[in-house]
Structure formats: C-alpha cells, structure tokens
Amino acid sequence: MSHPLHELIPALQELGHPRIAVVGDYMLDRYLWGDAGRVSPEAPVPVVHAHREEDRLGGAGNVVANLIGLGAKVACFGALGDDGSATLMLDALQELGAETHGMERCDDRPTIQKIRVMARNQQMLRVDREECRVLSESAEAKLLKSLCATEWDAVVLSDYGKGTLSESFTKAILQEAQRRKVPSLVDPKHRDFKRYAGATLVTPNRLEAEAAAGCSLGDLEKLAVECEKLRAAADLNALLITLGAEGMFLMAKNEEPLHLPTAARQVYDVTGAGDTVIATLAIALGHGYDFELAVRLANASAGLAVAKVGTTAVGREELLHMLRASTPEGKILSANDTAALQGALSAFRLEGRRIVFTNGCFDILHAGHVRYLRAARGLGDVLVLGLNSDASVRRLKGKERPFNGVEDRAEVLAGLECVDLVIEFEQDTPEELIQSVQPDILVKGADWRGKGVAGAEFVERHGGEVQFIDLLEGRSTTGLADRIRNR
C-alpha cells in the first residue's frame, strides 16, 4: 500500500501533546569530532585530531528527545549512576522540559556512556562504559511506585538489555498500562518476546525479529507468516519490524499486514533511528491515531533520522517541512514567511546538508536554465532558489515581462528534482534573502564574474563561498521570445 507523504500533513498538524512515560536504559552519548589525516607511528591506526566534543542523550534519553521534539510531554523513569555523567544527563533532560522525578541514582553502577570518535562524519571507534546488572529490589520498587503515581497517556519501554527492565518489572509496567487502558510500546533487546506479553506494540528490527523467530524472515510472504507466529505466541496486539532500506512491516491482531517502503531520502547513519520510530508511534497512538496512521508517521520520521549523523532527535516542524516538500507545491515559500523559511533551513542544517543559493527570473524555462540549476545543485546538498516577483521582473526587464506569472514560474521550478526550495522575493536584488538564508555557497552565471554579485560579500564574510557556472550558449529567455515573435 502506497500513500503520498503530503497526505500526512493534516494528521501531524492535528497531533496533540499527549503525556508519555519513558522507562528504560538511559545513556549518555559522547561524540569526539575531528579529522583523521595520518596513521599513528605507534600502531596501524588512524590518528584523529579532535577539535570538538559533544554530549547527546542516548538510549531511552534519545526517545525522550524525539518525543519532546514532536510535541509530547514526557516523564522519565530509569536508573543512573551516582556520578558526573548522571548530572549531565539529568541537566539535559530537564533542559528539554522532561520530568525527571522518576530517575533513580544508584551507587552500584556507572551511568552508561557510549563514546564515539568521529572523523568526517564517519565513526572511527566506539568506547562503552557500562555495567549491565539488574536493579536492586528496592530501586525497582521505587521506580514502579513513582511510575504508578504519575499520569500518562502511553508508556514506552526502551529496553537496551542493560538491566533496568527486568522481566518482573516489565510485566508490572505492562499490567499498569492495561489497567489504565493506554498504549504500551516496547523497543526490545531480548529474544523471547513473551516477556512483553500484553504490549500494544513491539518494534524489533529485522535482526532482532529473526533472532526471536529462530529463522530468516525472507521475502514479504514469509515475513507475514513468521510475524504473525511471533505476535500470537507472545500475545502482542501488534508487531512492527523495521527493515532498514526496505521500510517497515506491521502485523496487527485481526488486521491485514502492512508494508511501507522507506521514506528515507538519503542515509548517513542509522544510529538512534529506532528511538525516533518508537517515539513517533508513541505520540501518535497516545493521541488516539490507529496503527496504520501511526506507522506511516513513524516511517516518515525515520526517513529524516537516518539522514543525520549520530543520535539526533526529529522535530515536528522539521517533519512537517519534509512532508510539505514531498510535493512541488510544498517547496514554494515567500521570503515574508519567515517562520516557514527558517524551519525549512533548520531542517536542512540539522541533516548536515550544505546549502547552495542562486536566483533569477526564470521567465521561460529552457535547457540553459535546467543545466545551470543541475550544476548549482551539484556544488552542495540542497539548492535554494530565489525567484523574482512579477513586480521585480517588470522593473528589471521591462513592462512586457514577465511572460509567465510568479505562481506559474515557481510551480515549474519546484517540479525540478534538483530544486529543493523556491522562495519568491520582491526586491530588485536578493541581498536581503541571502542574508536570511545564509547559504554555504552562492552561485551565479559566469557572465556575472567581476560585476559585483549581490550577497557575495555577506556570504564570504560568514565563511561561505561564491561560485560561477558557465552558461549554455545560445539559450536565453529574450532570444527565445524574439524567435517566437519572428515566426
């Protein structure tokens, strides 16, 4: 079953702000960013010259970050060590706006850390600091008491197999969710799914599902058979298997199986994508949406998550922009719509994409334009196109121009795959728009070399660059119009 992504826009706009409890293994992900330009003389390993460190919420913490980014209210329940990393974790959760009264600090374990050494967006090494042990009876009892005393519309069990979610604790949480008649969602790490009996939805990846099934899941037909066996044997309401590049597969009780192809535009890193999926499912089911709509939203969120490096949350505005941009109409903005423009640009930057900017009238689109725009897009990852308004074109080209109104010109340009965003502006030059966009690369035709390009000084002053592209000879809107008249 295939649905256009833009059909999800009303569902996302109407999504409320349910209260979600997140129970599980909280981790601190530390990233050491640098460059690897040589091999160590001490051993055959690369030397990474680190220039930046960054701490991010990992594990259940990344689920929390995604939930809050999507608009949920979140209460956290888990165990941390009695150390500095725990303080960093709690500060980060509270800064997001999450409630942390359900977080226990224990002196019998360190706060889990995963330290990743990164060079040019590639992971070179990972160091884990953890002690996987079951919580003491007293710590588990405190967590359960706190959880039962808190109001929530859905609960997420983020099970990374680190000891927080024992079988008895898991059972107690799921029973409490059933008593409240609210959704319970589990990201599993154990092979025996029966320990999650009664859960509303369990979300293994392919490898985890195959380990639980004890066999390869194979093609979609076998996948459906084995998924139903797993679901029924474990007494789950639904089972959602994430299939990486193949998308997602949902098997719900008394419903036909649903397979959704991936919504990913490009894949940089799958780290934390499962957290994004379960967070989106939780807020959608907590709001009252059915399985199919919740899974379609989660599939779209996952497409954004894998386009980023490391554990990174997906926000509601970011997802909304992606859904809008799935149609040509959704690519078109006005320079006056500051919120929408900055939301779109923020989405691009969160994905680590280099923004290219160019501008023009593009009155009658021809081969010269198309080749120019493709070349401009090839200089970066995103092409933002400034389009002169009708009044601006008249001032620049004369009273008989434009031949095509700005709405028609924008729609044609937005239909090009190489164009990611079309922004109408009223001024004679795009100087103000360039300052709003702050592109990494400003592009003009080679005929502008040495003539003083609007916005060039601003772009270069902010660390960007200006590039010139040779034009296709013999192609121009004026020449095309003259040939039409002569005929």
Protein backbone atom coordinates (compact mmCIF):
# COMPACT_ATOMS: atom_id res chain seq x y z
CA MET A 1 0.00 0.00 0.00
CA SER A 2 1.43 3.36 -1.03
CA HIS A 3 0.33 6.81 0.18
CA PRO A 4 1.81 10.19 -0.78
CA LEU A 5 3.71 11.69 2.15
CA HIS A 6 1.85 15.00 1.91
CA GLU A 7 -1.37 13.23 2.98
CA LEU A 8 0.14 13.01 6.48
CA ILE A 9 0.26 16.81 6.90
CA PRO A 10 -3.23 17.17 8.48
CA ALA A 11 -2.53 14.29 10.88
CA LEU A 12 0.72 15.90 12.01
CA GLN A 13 -0.88 19.35 12.33
CA GLU A 14 -3.74 17.93 14.42
CA LEU A 15 -1.46 15.83 16.63
CA GLY A 16 -1.93 16.81 20.25
CA HIS A 17 0.55 16.82 23.13
CA PRO A 18 -0.05 13.55 25.00
CA ARG A 19 1.88 12.75 28.15
CA ILE A 20 4.27 9.84 27.63
CA ALA A 21 6.19 7.86 30.26
CA VAL A 22 9.58 6.57 29.10
CA VAL A 23 11.05 3.71 31.13
CA GLY A 24 14.33 2.03 30.32
CA ASP A 25 18.07 2.27 29.84
CA TYR A 26 19.22 5.90 29.75
CA MET A 27 22.62 6.57 28.20
CA LEU A 28 24.93 9.49 27.54
CA ASP A 29 26.35 9.55 24.02
CA ARG A 30 29.61 11.47 23.81
CA TYR A 31 30.99 12.43 20.40
CA LEU A 32 34.60 13.42 19.78
CA TRP A 33 34.68 15.16 16.40
CA GLY A 34 37.91 15.61 14.49
CA ASP A 35 39.95 14.93 11.37
CA ALA A 36 41.98 11.83 10.51
CA GLY A 37 44.83 12.79 8.22
CA ARG A 38 47.60 10.39 9.17
CA VAL A 39 48.42 6.96 10.59
CA SER A 40 49.91 6.58 14.07
CA PRO A 41 53.64 5.70 14.15
CA GLU A 42 52.89 3.54 17.21
CA ALA A 43 50.33 1.22 15.58
CA PRO A 44 48.49 0.85 12.24
CA VAL A 45 45.58 3.03 13.37
CA PRO A 46 44.43 6.49 12.24
CA VAL A 47 45.25 9.49 14.39
CA VAL A 48 42.16 11.63 14.97
CA HIS A 49 42.89 15.26 15.76
CA ALA A 50 39.89 16.11 17.94
CA HIS A 51 38.57 19.66 17.81
CA ARG A 52 35.10 19.34 19.36
CA GLU A 53 33.28 17.29 21.99
CA GLU A 54 29.52 16.93 22.22
CA ASP A 55 27.22 15.12 24.64
CA ARG A 56 23.85 13.84 23.44
CA LEU A 57 21.06 11.89 25.06
CA GLY A 58 21.21 8.23 24.05
CA GLY A 59 19.11 5.13 24.60
CA ALA A 60 15.88 5.99 26.39
CA GLY A 61 17.13 9.58 26.57
CA ASN A 62 17.05 9.82 22.78
CA VAL A 63 13.46 8.56 22.84
CA VAL A 64 12.67 11.41 25.24
CA ALA A 65 14.40 13.96 22.99
CA ASN A 66 12.41 12.75 19.99
CA LEU A 67 9.12 12.77 21.89
CA ILE A 68 9.63 16.34 23.10
CA GLY A 69 10.74 17.42 19.63
CA LEU A 70 7.48 16.00 18.28
CA GLY A 71 5.44 17.86 20.89
CA ALA A 72 4.82 15.30 23.65
CA LYS A 73 5.08 15.89 27.37
CA VAL A 74 7.44 13.34 28.92
CA ALA A 75 8.11 11.80 32.32
CA CYS A 76 11.35 9.82 32.67
CA PHE A 77 11.91 6.65 34.69
CA GLY A 78 15.29 4.91 34.85
CA ALA A 79 18.49 4.29 36.80
CA LEU A 80 21.68 6.36 36.60
CA GLY A 81 24.99 6.09 38.39
CA ASP A 82 25.97 8.42 41.19
CA ASP A 83 28.47 10.28 39.02
CA GLY A 84 29.08 13.37 36.91
CA SER A 85 27.61 11.79 33.81
CA ALA A 86 24.32 11.36 35.67
CA THR A 87 24.29 15.08 36.43
CA LEU A 88 24.89 15.87 32.76
CA MET A 89 22.08 13.50 31.81
CA LEU A 90 19.57 15.00 34.25
CA ASP A 91 20.50 18.55 33.28
CA ALA A 92 19.99 17.72 29.59
CA LEU A 93 16.61 16.07 30.22
CA GLN A 94 15.40 18.97 32.34
CA GLU A 95 16.61 21.49 29.78
CA LEU A 96 14.38 19.78 27.23
CA GLY A 97 11.44 20.12 29.59
CA ALA A 98 11.16 16.47 30.68
CA GLU A 99 10.14 15.49 34.21
CA THR A 100 12.92 13.58 35.97
CA HIS A 101 11.44 12.81 39.38
CA GLY A 102 11.36 9.13 38.35
CA MET A 103 15.13 8.89 37.76
CA GLU A 104 16.99 6.93 40.45
CA ARG A 105 20.70 7.44 41.16
CA CYS A 106 22.37 4.17 42.18
CA ASP A 107 25.87 3.72 43.61
CA ASP A 108 26.25 0.15 42.27
CA ARG A 109 26.67 1.13 38.61
CA PRO A 110 28.06 3.91 36.42
CA THR A 111 25.86 5.98 34.14
CA ILE A 112 26.05 4.27 30.77
CA GLN A 113 28.27 6.11 28.30
CA LYS A 114 28.95 5.40 24.65
CA ILE A 115 31.93 7.41 23.42
CA ARG A 116 32.23 7.71 19.64
CA VAL A 117 35.29 9.06 17.85
CA MET A 118 34.18 10.69 14.59
CA ALA A 119 36.19 11.89 11.60
CA ARG A 120 34.48 13.47 8.59
CA ASN A 121 31.10 12.18 9.75
CA GLN A 122 32.44 8.61 9.91
CA GLN A 123 32.64 6.64 13.16
CA MET A 124 36.24 5.54 13.75
CA LEU A 125 35.89 3.98 17.21
CA ARG A 126 33.35 3.43 19.98
CA VAL A 127 34.17 3.01 23.67
CA ASP A 128 31.41 1.78 26.06
CA ARG A 129 31.36 2.40 29.80
CA GLU A 130 28.68 0.29 31.44
CA GLU A 131 27.89 -2.46 33.92
CA CYS A 132 24.83 -4.46 32.90
CA ARG A 133 23.14 -5.68 36.06
CA VAL A 134 19.56 -5.99 37.23
CA LEU A 135 18.31 -3.26 39.54
CA SER A 136 18.08 -3.99 43.23
CA GLU A 137 14.61 -4.82 44.54
CA SER A 138 14.43 -1.50 46.40
CA ALA A 139 15.42 0.57 43.33
CA GLU A 140 12.94 -1.30 41.14
CA ALA A 141 10.17 -0.82 43.73
CA LYS A 142 10.87 2.94 43.88
CA LEU A 143 10.68 3.23 40.09
CA LEU A 144 7.41 1.28 39.90
CA LYS A 145 5.84 3.31 42.72
CA SER A 146 6.84 6.56 41.02
CA LEU A 147 5.54 5.34 37.65
CA CYS A 148 2.18 4.29 39.10
CA ALA A 149 1.81 7.65 40.87
CA THR A 150 2.30 9.61 37.62
CA GLU A 151 -0.30 10.40 34.95
CA TRP A 152 0.49 9.31 31.38
CA ASP A 153 -1.36 8.60 28.12
CA ALA A 154 1.12 6.00 26.85
CA VAL A 155 4.27 4.28 28.06
CA VAL A 156 7.46 3.42 26.16
CA LEU A 157 9.75 0.64 27.38
CA SER A 158 13.17 1.39 25.90
CA ASP A 159 14.90 -1.91 26.56
CA TYR A 160 18.58 -1.95 25.62
CA GLY A 161 19.27 -5.03 27.75
CA LYS A 162 21.31 -3.07 30.31
CA GLY A 163 19.37 -4.26 33.36
CA THR A 164 16.76 -1.61 34.05
CA LEU A 165 13.84 -3.61 32.65
CA SER A 166 13.85 -6.97 34.38
CA GLU A 167 11.19 -9.46 33.37
CA SER A 168 9.17 -8.81 36.53
CA PHE A 169 9.45 -5.01 36.19
CA THR A 170 8.46 -5.20 32.52
CA LYS A 171 5.41 -7.30 33.38
CA ALA A 172 4.34 -4.85 36.09
CA ILE A 173 4.61 -1.86 33.74
CA LEU A 174 2.58 -3.56 31.01
CA GLN A 175 -0.08 -4.57 33.52
CA GLU A 176 -0.34 -0.96 34.71
CA ALA A 177 -0.79 0.20 31.13
CA GLN A 178 -3.54 -2.38 30.61
CA ARG A 179 -5.22 -1.25 33.82
CA ARG A 180 -5.21 2.33 32.54
CA LYS A 181 -6.24 1.20 29.03
CA VAL A 182 -3.45 3.19 27.38
CA PRO A 183 -0.92 2.12 24.72
CA SER A 184 2.30 0.40 25.74
CA LEU A 185 5.21 0.25 23.29
CA VAL A 186 8.41 -1.80 23.59
CA ASP A 187 11.74 -1.47 21.79
CA PRO A 188 13.04 -5.00 22.58
CA LYS A 189 16.51 -6.40 23.13
CA HIS A 190 15.57 -9.87 24.37
CA ARG A 191 14.97 -12.81 22.03
CA ASP A 192 11.94 -14.06 23.93
CA PHE A 193 9.13 -11.66 23.09
CA LYS A 194 6.86 -13.46 25.57
CA ARG A 195 8.34 -11.29 28.30
CA TYR A 196 6.47 -8.40 26.60
CA ALA A 197 3.09 -10.21 26.63
CA GLY A 198 0.16 -7.82 26.59
CA ALA A 199 2.09 -4.96 24.98
CA THR A 200 0.26 -2.82 22.44
CA LEU A 201 3.21 -2.74 20.05
CA VAL A 202 6.72 -4.22 19.95
CA THR A 203 9.22 -2.75 17.46
CA PRO A 204 12.20 -5.04 16.69
CA ASN A 205 14.50 -4.55 13.72
CA ARG A 206 14.96 -7.38 11.23
CA LEU A 207 17.89 -8.98 13.07
CA GLU A 208 16.06 -8.89 16.42
CA ALA A 209 12.93 -10.39 14.85
CA GLU A 210 14.93 -13.14 13.15
CA ALA A 211 16.64 -13.95 16.45
CA ALA A 212 13.23 -14.20 18.13
CA ALA A 213 11.78 -16.30 15.29
CA GLY A 214 14.84 -18.54 15.05
CA CYS A 215 14.90 -18.28 11.26
CA SER A 216 15.40 -15.91 8.35
CA LEU A 217 12.32 -13.80 7.63
CA GLY A 218 12.96 -13.92 3.88
CA ASP A 219 10.55 -12.25 1.46
CA LEU A 220 7.32 -10.44 2.35
CA GLU A 221 5.22 -13.59 2.18
CA LYS A 222 7.41 -15.45 4.68
CA LEU A 223 7.75 -12.28 6.72
CA ALA A 224 3.97 -12.12 7.16
CA VAL A 225 3.77 -15.76 8.26
CA GLU A 226 6.62 -15.53 10.77
CA CYS A 227 5.48 -12.16 12.13
CA GLU A 228 2.03 -13.50 12.88
CA LYS A 229 3.56 -16.51 14.63
CA LEU A 230 5.72 -14.22 16.77
CA ARG A 231 2.85 -11.86 17.55
CA ALA A 232 0.41 -14.60 18.51
CA ALA A 233 2.92 -16.61 20.55
CA ALA A 234 3.94 -13.54 22.55
CA ASP A 235 0.33 -12.29 22.93
CA LEU A 236 1.06 -8.87 21.42
CA ASN A 237 -1.54 -6.57 19.91
CA ALA A 238 0.88 -5.67 17.11
CA LEU A 239 4.41 -6.25 15.89
CA LEU A 240 6.27 -3.69 13.78
CA ILE A 241 9.52 -4.79 12.17
CA THR A 242 11.86 -2.09 10.88
CA LEU A 243 13.56 -3.35 7.72
CA GLY A 244 16.16 -0.65 7.05
CA ALA A 245 16.23 0.17 3.34
CA GLU A 246 13.12 -1.98 2.83
CA GLY A 247 10.95 0.16 5.11
CA MET A 248 8.62 -1.23 7.79
CA PHE A 249 6.28 -4.19 8.20
CA LEU A 250 3.29 -4.12 10.55
CA MET A 251 1.39 -7.19 11.73
CA ALA A 252 -1.55 -6.24 13.96
CA LYS A 253 -4.10 -8.58 15.52
CA ASN A 254 -7.09 -9.24 13.24
CA GLU A 255 -5.72 -6.87 10.57
CA GLU A 256 -4.12 -7.32 7.17
CA PRO A 257 -0.31 -6.94 7.17
CA LEU A 258 1.01 -3.54 6.13
CA HIS A 259 4.33 -2.97 4.35
CA LEU A 260 5.62 0.58 3.89
CA PRO A 261 8.67 1.28 1.71
CA THR A 262 11.32 3.53 3.26
CA ALA A 263 10.75 7.29 3.22
CA ALA A 264 14.50 8.00 3.52
CA ARG A 265 15.92 10.48 1.01
CA GLN A 266 19.50 9.57 1.87
CA VAL A 267 21.14 7.52 4.61
CA TYR A 268 24.09 8.83 6.61
CA ASP A 269 23.66 7.00 9.93
CA VAL A 270 21.04 4.61 11.34
CA THR A 271 22.15 5.28 14.94
CA GLY A 272 19.08 6.09 17.04
CA ALA A 273 16.59 5.67 14.19
CA GLY A 274 14.69 3.07 16.22
CA ASP A 275 14.28 5.64 19.00
CA THR A 276 12.75 8.07 16.51
CA VAL A 277 10.37 5.38 15.26
CA ILE A 278 9.07 4.37 18.68
CA ALA A 279 8.76 8.00 19.81
CA THR A 280 6.61 8.86 16.79
CA LEU A 281 4.48 5.76 17.31
CA ALA A 282 4.02 6.61 20.98
CA ILE A 283 2.84 10.18 20.44
CA ALA A 284 0.54 9.09 17.60
CA LEU A 285 -1.02 6.18 19.50
CA GLY A 286 -1.15 8.27 22.68
CA HIS A 287 -3.11 10.88 20.74
CA GLY A 288 -5.55 8.20 19.59
CA TYR A 289 -4.46 7.50 16.00
CA ASP A 290 -4.76 3.94 14.69
CA PHE A 291 -1.84 1.65 13.89
CA GLU A 292 -1.69 2.43 10.18
CA LEU A 293 -1.57 6.21 10.58
CA ALA A 294 0.92 5.95 13.46
CA VAL A 295 3.22 3.71 11.40
CA ARG A 296 3.04 5.98 8.36
CA LEU A 297 4.08 8.94 10.52
CA ALA A 298 6.88 6.88 12.09
CA ASN A 299 8.12 5.83 8.67
CA ALA A 300 8.36 9.47 7.61
CA SER A 301 10.22 10.37 10.83
CA ALA A 302 12.67 7.53 10.32
CA GLY A 303 13.42 8.87 6.85
CA LEU A 304 14.64 12.08 8.47
CA ALA A 305 16.51 10.38 11.32
CA VAL A 306 18.78 8.30 9.10
CA ALA A 307 19.74 11.40 7.10
CA LYS A 308 21.56 12.75 10.16
CA VAL A 309 24.79 11.72 11.85
CA GLY A 310 24.58 10.17 15.32
CA THR A 311 21.75 10.10 17.83
CA THR A 312 19.64 13.10 16.85
CA ALA A 313 16.02 13.97 17.52
CA VAL A 314 13.46 14.72 14.82
CA GLY A 315 11.25 17.76 15.45
CA ARG A 316 7.62 18.33 14.49
CA GLU A 317 8.35 21.41 12.34
CA GLU A 318 11.20 19.59 10.66
CA LEU A 319 8.93 16.64 9.84
CA LEU A 320 6.19 18.97 8.66
CA HIS A 321 8.60 20.64 6.26
CA MET A 322 9.70 17.27 4.88
CA LEU A 323 6.08 16.27 4.26
CA ARG A 324 5.32 19.57 2.54
CA ALA A 325 8.46 19.32 0.42
CA SER A 326 7.35 15.90 -0.86
CA THR A 327 5.22 17.79 -3.44
CA PRO A 328 6.29 20.62 -5.77
CA GLU A 329 3.77 22.95 -4.11
CA GLY A 330 5.37 22.27 -0.74
CA LYS A 331 8.73 23.55 -1.98
CA ILE A 332 7.38 27.05 -2.65
CA LEU A 333 7.68 29.74 0.03
CA SER A 334 7.60 33.51 0.28
CA ALA A 335 10.53 35.45 1.73
CA ASN A 336 7.95 37.11 4.00
CA ASP A 337 7.02 33.75 5.57
CA THR A 338 9.95 33.88 7.97
CA ALA A 339 8.84 31.02 10.23
CA ALA A 340 8.34 28.56 7.39
CA LEU A 341 11.58 29.60 5.69
CA GLN A 342 13.70 29.28 8.82
CA GLY A 343 12.00 25.98 9.69
CA ALA A 344 12.93 24.58 6.27
CA LEU A 345 16.51 25.85 6.53
CA SER A 346 16.88 24.46 10.06
CA ALA A 347 15.76 21.06 8.80
CA PHE A 348 18.45 21.11 6.13
CA ARG A 349 21.14 22.17 8.59
CA LEU A 350 20.16 19.54 11.15
CA GLU A 351 20.79 16.97 8.44
CA GLY A 352 24.27 18.47 7.90
CA ARG A 353 23.44 19.45 4.32
CA ARG A 354 25.39 22.21 2.51
CA ILE A 355 23.00 24.88 1.24
CA VAL A 356 23.51 26.32 -2.26
CA PHE A 357 21.69 29.52 -3.25
CA THR A 358 21.05 31.03 -6.64
CA ASN A 359 18.44 33.41 -8.01
CA GLY A 360 16.83 34.70 -11.16
CA CYS A 361 13.63 35.47 -13.06
CA PHE A 362 13.38 32.12 -14.89
CA ASP A 363 10.63 33.57 -17.05
CA ILE A 364 10.50 30.89 -19.74
CA LEU A 365 12.34 27.79 -18.54
CA HIS A 366 14.73 26.38 -21.14
CA ALA A 367 17.65 23.93 -21.39
CA GLY A 368 20.15 26.57 -20.32
CA HIS A 369 18.27 27.10 -17.06
CA VAL A 370 17.97 23.38 -16.34
CA ARG A 371 21.67 22.70 -16.93
CA TYR A 372 22.61 25.68 -14.78
CA LEU A 373 20.37 24.56 -11.90
CA ARG A 374 21.64 20.98 -12.04
CA ALA A 375 25.22 22.23 -11.93
CA ALA A 376 24.41 24.52 -8.98
CA ARG A 377 22.79 21.66 -7.06
CA GLY A 378 25.88 19.56 -7.69
CA LEU A 379 28.01 22.00 -5.70
CA GLY A 380 26.25 21.12 -2.44
CA ASP A 381 23.40 19.10 -0.94
CA VAL A 382 20.43 21.50 -1.15
CA LEU A 383 19.52 24.07 -3.81
CA VAL A 384 17.54 27.09 -2.59
CA LEU A 385 16.31 29.25 -5.46
CA GLY A 386 15.36 32.91 -5.07
CA LEU A 387 12.68 33.85 -7.61
CA ASN A 388 11.97 37.47 -8.56
CA SER A 389 8.36 38.53 -8.08
CA ASP A 390 6.35 39.80 -11.06
CA ALA A 391 6.84 43.44 -10.00
CA SER A 392 10.56 42.87 -9.58
CA VAL A 393 10.81 41.30 -13.05
CA ARG A 394 8.99 44.28 -14.61
CA ARG A 395 11.42 46.70 -13.02
CA LEU A 396 14.39 44.69 -14.25
CA LYS A 397 13.19 43.52 -17.68
CA GLY A 398 10.54 45.98 -18.82
CA LYS A 399 6.75 46.36 -18.81
CA GLU A 400 6.04 43.38 -21.08
CA ARG A 401 7.75 40.97 -18.69
CA PRO A 402 7.28 38.52 -17.17
CA PHE A 403 5.64 36.33 -19.78
CA ASN A 404 4.66 33.89 -17.03
CA GLY A 405 3.36 34.93 -13.62
CA VAL A 406 5.32 34.12 -10.49
CA GLU A 407 2.96 31.30 -9.45
CA ASP A 408 3.46 29.50 -12.76
CA ARG A 409 7.22 30.10 -12.74
CA ALA A 410 7.51 28.82 -9.16
CA GLU A 411 5.48 25.68 -9.89
CA VAL A 412 7.60 24.77 -12.91
CA LEU A 413 10.84 25.28 -10.98
CA ALA A 414 9.59 23.35 -7.95
CA GLY A 415 8.84 20.43 -10.25
CA LEU A 416 12.56 20.03 -10.96
CA GLU A 417 14.20 17.34 -8.84
CA CYS A 418 17.37 19.40 -8.46
CA VAL A 419 15.48 22.28 -6.80
CA ASP A 420 14.75 21.86 -3.08
CA LEU A 421 13.16 25.21 -2.23
CA VAL A 422 11.75 28.12 -4.26
CA ILE A 423 11.43 31.47 -2.46
CA GLU A 424 9.71 34.48 -4.01
CA PHE A 425 11.24 37.87 -3.18
CA GLU A 426 10.09 41.41 -4.02
CA GLN A 427 13.35 43.37 -4.09
CA ASP A 428 15.43 44.06 -7.21
CA THR A 429 18.35 42.09 -5.74
CA PRO A 430 18.31 39.02 -3.46
CA GLU A 431 20.62 40.65 -0.89
CA GLU A 432 18.07 40.51 1.98
CA LEU A 433 17.01 36.99 1.09
CA ILE A 434 20.62 35.80 1.00
CA GLN A 435 21.13 37.21 4.49
CA SER A 436 18.08 35.26 5.68
CA VAL A 437 19.18 32.02 4.02
CA GLN A 438 22.90 32.34 4.90
CA PRO A 439 23.94 29.81 2.23
CA ASP A 440 27.18 27.88 2.28
CA ILE A 441 27.61 28.51 -1.46
CA LEU A 442 26.31 31.41 -3.57
CA VAL A 443 26.08 30.61 -7.29
CA LYS A 444 25.78 32.93 -10.31
CA GLY A 445 26.27 32.55 -14.03
CA ALA A 446 29.77 33.11 -15.39
CA ASP A 447 28.59 36.35 -17.06
CA TRP A 448 28.42 37.89 -13.55
CA ARG A 449 32.11 37.36 -12.82
CA GLY A 450 33.72 40.68 -11.90
CA LYS A 451 30.41 42.59 -11.86
CA GLY A 452 29.71 42.62 -8.14
CA VAL A 453 27.34 39.82 -7.12
CA ALA A 454 24.62 40.78 -4.64
CA GLY A 455 25.20 39.00 -1.34
CA ALA A 456 28.73 37.82 -2.20
CA GLU A 457 30.43 39.91 0.47
CA PHE A 458 27.96 38.71 3.13
CA VAL A 459 28.38 35.04 2.20
CA GLU A 460 32.17 35.17 2.19
CA ARG A 461 32.24 37.14 5.45
CA HIS A 462 30.25 34.32 7.07
CA GLY A 463 32.54 31.55 5.87
CA GLY A 464 30.76 30.70 2.63
CA GLU A 465 31.99 30.81 -0.94
CA VAL A 466 30.90 32.22 -4.30
CA GLN A 467 30.94 30.00 -7.39
CA PHE A 468 30.34 30.82 -11.07
CA ILE A 469 28.86 28.41 -13.62
CA ASP A 470 29.32 28.64 -17.38
CA LEU A 471 26.09 29.23 -19.28
CA LEU A 472 24.84 27.26 -22.25
CA GLU A 473 25.43 29.41 -25.30
CA GLY A 474 22.54 30.48 -27.49
CA ARG A 475 19.88 29.95 -24.82
CA SER A 476 18.10 32.88 -23.22
CA THR A 477 14.54 33.92 -22.46
CA THR A 478 14.91 37.12 -24.51
CA GLY A 479 16.26 35.22 -27.52
CA LEU A 480 13.51 32.62 -27.24
CA ALA A 481 10.84 35.33 -27.10
CA ASP A 482 12.32 37.07 -30.16
CA ARG A 483 12.27 33.84 -32.16
CA ILE A 484 8.64 33.27 -31.26
CA ARG A 485 7.72 36.81 -32.37
CA ASN A 486 9.63 36.48 -35.67
CA ARG A 487 7.76 33.32 -36.54
